[in-house]
Amino acid sequence: PLFIAVDQEGGRVQRLKPIHGFPGSPAAEQLCPGGDSALAFATGRAVGGTIASVGFNLDFAPVADVNVNPANPVIGGIGRSFAADPQAVAFCAGAFADGLHESGVLTAAKHFPGHGSSTTDSHLGFTDVSATWTEAELIPFRALMATGQADMIMTAHVFNAHLDPKYPATLSRAVIGGLLRGRMGYDGVVVTDDMQMRAISAHYGLKEAIRLSLDAGADILLFGNNLEYDPKLPEKALAIIVELVAEGRVSSERIRQSWKRIQTLKSRLNGAAGG
């Protein structure tokens, strides 16, 4: 089966909007009052039920970013983080994920290795968290992976010179292959954030970005195809991947690794979602 996915976090990020007849849901920052996760679970279940009823089987949620910078224009500033404490984020995001699973919807914890400390928006351009990011931002991801509450991990387009002095996380073998898969032991599906966001597209050509993300260890390359619409984009991306393999710049074994991870996760769509 296909993964049919949507960004349906709640709050500012709900692609299926009340204006079109869908029920709204609160932002993450409102879902775990006083550390009580009941509302987060109930909201995740309701969101999962809504999106499943119209054919979606994967939600690009929950947000596992820690609210390090409350003025963050793309995370804390718009209520997308559950909390400023990483353990609370893990607990509350896990409850939301459990709710999605209860409705038969897969999850994607985002944005690895953490977007919560940024001062700029990676939709708009280069986003450097070298001076603000700490390892505490890994805690929610580690917890969600350990419990099976994260069916996928979505990468962030953030640059951190301490993790990789050259590439942002989505394109970084040190971050995906070294940190996530190596140090943290994750062997599940890695999906990129939208490759058309300007943190990537303004600095790398399409072929280079695809090569680097595959080389880094990403399994699914996400193209929203709405920031800059190209009706031929899927064909172009596929042709580039075939070309990279033919040129020997990406190995066929690297593609097979991703195929196996994707098929393993897809097999769960035939049964109950959840870990």
Protein backbone atom coordinates (compact mmCIF):
# COMPACT_ATOMS: atom_id res chain seq x y z
CA PRO A 1 0.00 0.00 0.00
CA LEU A 2 0.95 3.62 -0.42
CA PHE A 3 1.77 5.88 2.47
CA ILE A 4 -0.87 8.61 2.22
CA ALA A 5 0.30 11.34 4.54
CA VAL A 6 -0.73 14.74 5.83
CA ASP A 7 0.56 17.37 8.27
CA GLN A 8 -2.21 17.36 10.86
CA GLU A 9 -0.64 18.47 14.13
CA GLY A 10 -3.36 20.80 15.36
CA GLY A 11 -3.25 24.53 15.97
CA ARG A 12 -1.56 26.42 13.15
CA VAL A 13 -0.58 23.23 11.29
CA GLN A 14 -3.74 21.47 10.13
CA ARG A 15 -3.95 20.89 6.42
CA LEU A 16 -7.53 19.60 6.76
CA LYS A 17 -9.05 22.79 8.04
CA PRO A 18 -12.32 23.67 9.80
CA ILE A 19 -13.11 26.06 6.94
CA HIS A 20 -13.44 22.94 4.76
CA GLY A 21 -15.62 21.11 7.26
CA PHE A 22 -12.99 19.22 9.27
CA PRO A 23 -12.94 19.42 13.08
CA GLY A 24 -10.19 21.62 14.46
CA SER A 25 -7.83 20.63 17.24
CA PRO A 26 -5.66 22.60 19.69
CA ALA A 27 -1.96 23.28 19.24
CA ALA A 28 0.55 21.00 20.97
CA GLU A 29 1.36 23.63 23.62
CA GLN A 30 -2.23 23.32 24.90
CA LEU A 31 -2.45 19.52 25.00
CA CYS A 32 -0.60 18.54 28.18
CA PRO A 33 -1.71 20.91 30.95
CA GLY A 34 0.18 20.24 34.17
CA GLY A 35 1.71 17.10 32.70
CA ASP A 36 -1.67 15.40 32.24
CA SER A 37 -1.49 13.57 28.92
CA ALA A 38 -5.19 12.63 28.66
CA LEU A 39 -6.01 15.52 26.32
CA ALA A 40 -2.97 14.78 24.14
CA PHE A 41 -4.06 11.18 23.76
CA ALA A 42 -7.70 12.08 23.08
CA THR A 43 -6.67 14.70 20.54
CA GLY A 44 -4.32 12.30 18.78
CA ARG A 45 -7.11 9.72 18.60
CA ALA A 46 -9.57 12.29 17.25
CA VAL A 47 -7.09 13.61 14.69
CA GLY A 48 -6.27 10.06 13.65
CA GLY A 49 -9.94 9.22 13.27
CA THR A 50 -10.56 12.30 11.15
CA ILE A 51 -7.68 11.77 8.75
CA ALA A 52 -8.22 8.00 8.53
CA SER A 53 -11.86 8.59 7.59
CA VAL A 54 -10.76 10.36 4.40
CA GLY A 55 -7.99 7.92 3.45
CA PHE A 56 -4.82 9.02 5.20
CA ASN A 57 -2.72 6.40 6.97
CA LEU A 58 0.26 8.53 8.09
CA ASP A 59 0.37 11.78 10.03
CA PHE A 60 3.56 13.83 9.96
CA ALA A 61 3.26 14.24 13.73
CA PRO A 62 3.93 14.46 16.62
CA VAL A 63 6.34 17.36 16.91
CA ALA A 64 9.14 16.22 19.22
CA ASP A 65 10.94 19.56 19.25
CA VAL A 66 11.67 21.03 22.67
CA ASN A 67 10.49 24.61 23.23
CA VAL A 68 13.97 25.96 23.88
CA ASN A 69 13.25 29.29 22.21
CA PRO A 70 9.67 30.43 22.85
CA ALA A 71 10.08 33.12 20.16
CA ASN A 72 11.08 30.54 17.53
CA PRO A 73 9.13 31.66 14.45
CA VAL A 74 8.42 28.13 13.23
CA ILE A 75 8.08 26.05 16.44
CA GLY A 76 7.58 27.67 19.86
CA GLY A 77 6.30 30.97 18.54
CA ILE A 78 3.32 29.25 16.92
CA GLY A 79 2.62 26.69 19.62
CA ARG A 80 3.95 23.57 17.89
CA SER A 81 6.06 22.27 20.81
CA PHE A 82 4.47 20.38 23.70
CA ALA A 83 6.79 21.79 26.38
CA ALA A 84 10.13 23.34 27.31
CA ASP A 85 11.15 20.24 29.26
CA PRO A 86 12.40 17.39 27.03
CA GLN A 87 10.97 14.66 29.28
CA ALA A 88 7.57 16.34 29.16
CA VAL A 89 7.81 16.56 25.37
CA ALA A 90 8.55 12.84 25.20
CA PHE A 91 5.60 12.02 27.47
CA CYS A 92 3.08 14.29 25.74
CA ALA A 93 4.21 13.54 22.18
CA GLY A 94 4.05 9.86 23.05
CA ALA A 95 0.45 10.23 24.22
CA PHE A 96 -0.49 12.00 20.99
CA ALA A 97 1.24 9.23 19.01
CA ASP A 98 -0.67 6.60 21.00
CA GLY A 99 -3.88 8.33 20.02
CA LEU A 100 -2.95 8.26 16.35
CA HIS A 101 -2.06 4.58 16.63
CA GLU A 102 -5.40 3.88 18.29
CA SER A 103 -7.02 5.18 15.10
CA GLY A 104 -4.78 3.05 12.86
CA VAL A 105 -2.58 5.95 11.73
CA LEU A 106 1.23 5.83 11.55
CA THR A 107 3.39 8.58 13.05
CA ALA A 108 6.48 10.59 12.11
CA ALA A 109 8.31 12.29 14.98
CA LYS A 110 9.87 15.57 13.87
CA HIS A 111 12.18 17.48 13.37
CA PHE A 112 15.37 15.53 14.12
CA PRO A 113 17.79 16.39 15.72
CA GLY A 114 15.69 19.27 17.05
CA HIS A 115 14.34 22.53 15.61
CA GLY A 116 13.13 24.03 18.88
CA SER A 117 16.14 26.24 19.55
CA SER A 118 16.27 27.90 16.14
CA THR A 119 15.86 31.63 15.72
CA THR A 120 14.99 31.44 12.02
CA ASP A 121 12.61 29.48 9.79
CA SER A 122 14.08 26.75 7.57
CA HIS A 123 11.17 27.26 5.13
CA LEU A 124 12.75 30.62 4.31
CA GLY A 125 16.48 29.95 4.32
CA PHE A 126 19.63 28.78 6.08
CA THR A 127 18.93 27.92 9.72
CA ASP A 128 21.90 27.61 12.07
CA VAL A 129 21.38 26.14 15.56
CA SER A 130 25.07 25.67 16.36
CA ALA A 131 24.98 28.18 19.23
CA THR A 132 21.60 27.17 20.67
CA TRP A 133 21.11 23.39 20.27
CA THR A 134 21.94 20.96 23.08
CA GLU A 135 21.86 17.17 23.33
CA ALA A 136 18.82 17.43 25.60
CA GLU A 137 16.82 17.99 22.39
CA LEU A 138 17.49 14.34 21.49
CA ILE A 139 15.65 13.04 24.56
CA PRO A 140 12.13 13.04 23.05
CA PHE A 141 13.31 11.30 19.88
CA ARG A 142 15.18 8.66 21.87
CA ALA A 143 12.11 8.00 24.01
CA LEU A 144 9.66 7.80 21.10
CA MET A 145 11.95 5.41 19.24
CA ALA A 146 12.41 3.18 22.30
CA THR A 147 8.65 2.80 22.81
CA GLY A 148 7.74 2.31 19.13
CA GLN A 149 5.69 5.50 19.19
CA ALA A 150 7.68 6.91 16.25
CA ASP A 151 7.03 4.92 13.07
CA MET A 152 9.23 7.34 11.13
CA ILE A 153 11.68 10.06 12.05
CA MET A 154 11.54 13.28 10.03
CA THR A 155 14.75 15.26 9.65
CA ALA A 156 15.15 18.99 10.11
CA HIS A 157 16.94 21.23 7.62
CA VAL A 158 18.93 22.79 10.46
CA PHE A 159 22.68 23.28 10.38
CA ASN A 160 24.73 22.47 13.48
CA ALA A 161 28.47 22.87 13.09
CA HIS A 162 29.07 20.68 16.14
CA LEU A 163 27.32 17.75 14.46
CA ASP A 164 28.42 18.40 10.87
CA PRO A 165 30.59 21.38 9.87
CA LYS A 166 29.37 21.29 6.28
CA TYR A 167 25.78 20.07 5.80
CA PRO A 168 22.36 20.58 7.40
CA ALA A 169 20.85 17.52 9.10
CA THR A 170 18.76 16.34 6.14
CA LEU A 171 21.87 16.10 3.98
CA SER A 172 24.27 14.96 6.69
CA ARG A 173 25.70 11.46 6.92
CA ALA A 174 27.09 12.44 10.33
CA VAL A 175 23.62 13.31 11.64
CA ILE A 176 21.49 10.58 10.03
CA GLY A 177 24.02 7.79 9.64
CA GLY A 178 26.28 8.63 12.56
CA LEU A 179 24.05 10.11 15.24
CA LEU A 180 20.56 8.73 14.53
CA ARG A 181 21.38 5.31 13.11
CA GLY A 182 24.76 4.78 14.78
CA ARG A 183 24.78 6.33 18.23
CA MET A 184 21.02 6.14 18.83
CA GLY A 185 20.56 2.75 17.14
CA TYR A 186 17.59 3.66 14.95
CA ASP A 187 16.99 1.40 11.95
CA GLY A 188 13.50 2.56 11.00
CA VAL A 189 12.33 4.82 8.21
CA VAL A 190 13.82 8.30 7.93
CA VAL A 191 11.79 10.83 5.94
CA THR A 192 13.11 14.26 5.05
CA ASP A 193 11.28 17.49 5.65
CA ASP A 194 10.12 19.17 2.44
CA MET A 195 13.11 19.27 0.11
CA GLN A 196 11.75 22.44 -1.53
CA MET A 197 12.15 24.48 1.64
CA ARG A 198 14.68 27.21 1.03
CA ALA A 199 17.16 25.95 3.62
CA ILE A 200 17.81 23.25 0.99
CA SER A 201 16.59 24.56 -2.36
CA ALA A 202 18.33 27.95 -2.10
CA HIS A 203 21.73 26.34 -1.49
CA TYR A 204 21.71 23.02 -3.36
CA GLY A 205 20.61 21.92 -6.80
CA LEU A 206 17.97 19.21 -7.03
CA LYS A 207 20.38 16.47 -8.05
CA GLU A 208 22.93 17.39 -5.40
CA ALA A 209 20.28 17.55 -2.66
CA ILE A 210 18.87 14.16 -3.63
CA ARG A 211 22.34 12.58 -3.75
CA LEU A 212 23.37 13.98 -0.39
CA SER A 213 20.14 13.00 1.38
CA LEU A 214 20.33 9.44 0.05
CA ASP A 215 24.00 9.21 0.93
CA ALA A 216 23.19 10.49 4.42
CA GLY A 217 20.71 7.65 4.95
CA ALA A 218 17.27 9.13 4.24
CA ASP A 219 14.71 6.58 3.04
CA ILE A 220 11.90 8.82 1.78
CA LEU A 221 12.48 12.18 0.11
CA LEU A 222 9.55 14.49 0.77
CA PHE A 223 8.57 17.05 -1.84
CA GLY A 224 5.51 19.09 -0.86
CA ASN A 225 5.47 20.51 -4.40
CA ASN A 226 3.52 23.55 -3.27
CA LEU A 227 6.24 26.06 -2.39
CA GLU A 228 7.24 25.93 -6.05
CA TYR A 229 4.89 23.74 -8.05
CA ASP A 230 6.32 21.54 -10.80
CA PRO A 231 3.94 18.98 -12.32
CA LYS A 232 6.93 16.95 -13.54
CA LEU A 233 8.73 16.87 -10.19
CA PRO A 234 8.06 13.20 -9.29
CA GLU A 235 9.36 12.04 -12.67
CA LYS A 236 12.40 14.32 -12.39
CA ALA A 237 13.29 13.08 -8.90
CA LEU A 238 12.94 9.44 -9.92
CA ALA A 239 15.04 10.00 -13.04
CA ILE A 240 17.74 11.63 -10.91
CA ILE A 241 17.84 8.66 -8.52
CA VAL A 242 18.13 6.22 -11.43
CA GLU A 243 20.87 8.38 -12.92
CA LEU A 244 22.81 8.57 -9.65
CA VAL A 245 22.78 4.79 -9.34
CA ALA A 246 23.83 4.37 -12.98
CA GLU A 247 26.71 6.80 -12.40
CA GLY A 248 27.80 4.88 -9.30
CA ARG A 249 27.29 7.94 -7.08
CA VAL A 250 24.59 6.17 -5.05
CA SER A 251 24.85 2.41 -4.63
CA SER A 252 22.01 0.07 -5.46
CA GLU A 253 22.54 -1.46 -2.00
CA ARG A 254 21.83 1.97 -0.43
CA ILE A 255 18.48 2.01 -2.32
CA ARG A 256 17.73 -1.58 -1.23
CA GLN A 257 18.31 -0.67 2.41
CA SER A 258 15.66 2.02 2.19
CA TRP A 259 13.29 -0.24 0.26
CA LYS A 260 13.53 -2.88 3.00
CA ARG A 261 12.84 -0.36 5.77
CA ILE A 262 9.87 1.05 3.87
CA GLN A 263 8.42 -2.38 3.13
CA THR A 264 8.80 -3.42 6.77
CA LEU A 265 6.81 -0.40 7.86
CA LYS A 266 4.24 -0.78 5.10
CA SER A 267 3.54 -4.32 6.24
CA ARG A 268 2.08 -2.80 9.39
CA LEU A 269 -0.55 -0.96 7.35
CA ASN A 270 -2.22 -4.31 6.76
CA GLY A 271 -2.66 -4.77 10.49
CA ALA A 272 -2.96 -2.47 13.44
CA ALA A 273 -0.67 0.55 13.47
CA GLY A 274 1.41 1.19 16.51
CA GLY A 275 4.42 -0.16 18.33
